[in-house]
Amino acid sequence: MEKIHSGEGKLVTDGIYRFIRHPQYTGFGVAIIGFLIQWPTLITLIMAPTLLIMYRKLAKREEQNMIQEFGEEYLEYMKKVPRFVPKIHLTNFTKKETN
C-alpha cells in the first residue's frame, strides 16, 4: 500500500496502477456522479461537469510532468494503461468450457 503514496523517485506501475493511471481521479469522478444521482439539484448539475473537467485537465497536466520526469518509460506506460477507466477483458466470458 505504501507504493500508492510514494514511488520514492521511481515510476509506480504495479498495484492499482496496473489498471489505471489516475485511480484517485477515478474515485473522485465516481463520487461526483454519485452525488449528482443522489442529489440532482441545480448546484450539483453545475458542479459535476465542472469538477469532472477540472480533474481531467489536472490529470493531463500531471501526465506532462511525468513525461518530463520519466520520459519514454512513462510514454510506454501511457500506451498500455488507460487514464481513468480500466480495460475489461472479455476473453474469460467468451470461451466455451469443454468437459
Foldseek 3Di string as FASTA:
>chain_A
DVCVVDVPLDDDCDDPNVFAPCAVLLVVLVVLVVCCVVDVDPVSVVVNVVVNVVSVVVLVVVLVVVCVSPNPVSVVSPVNYHHHGGDDDCPVVPDDDDD
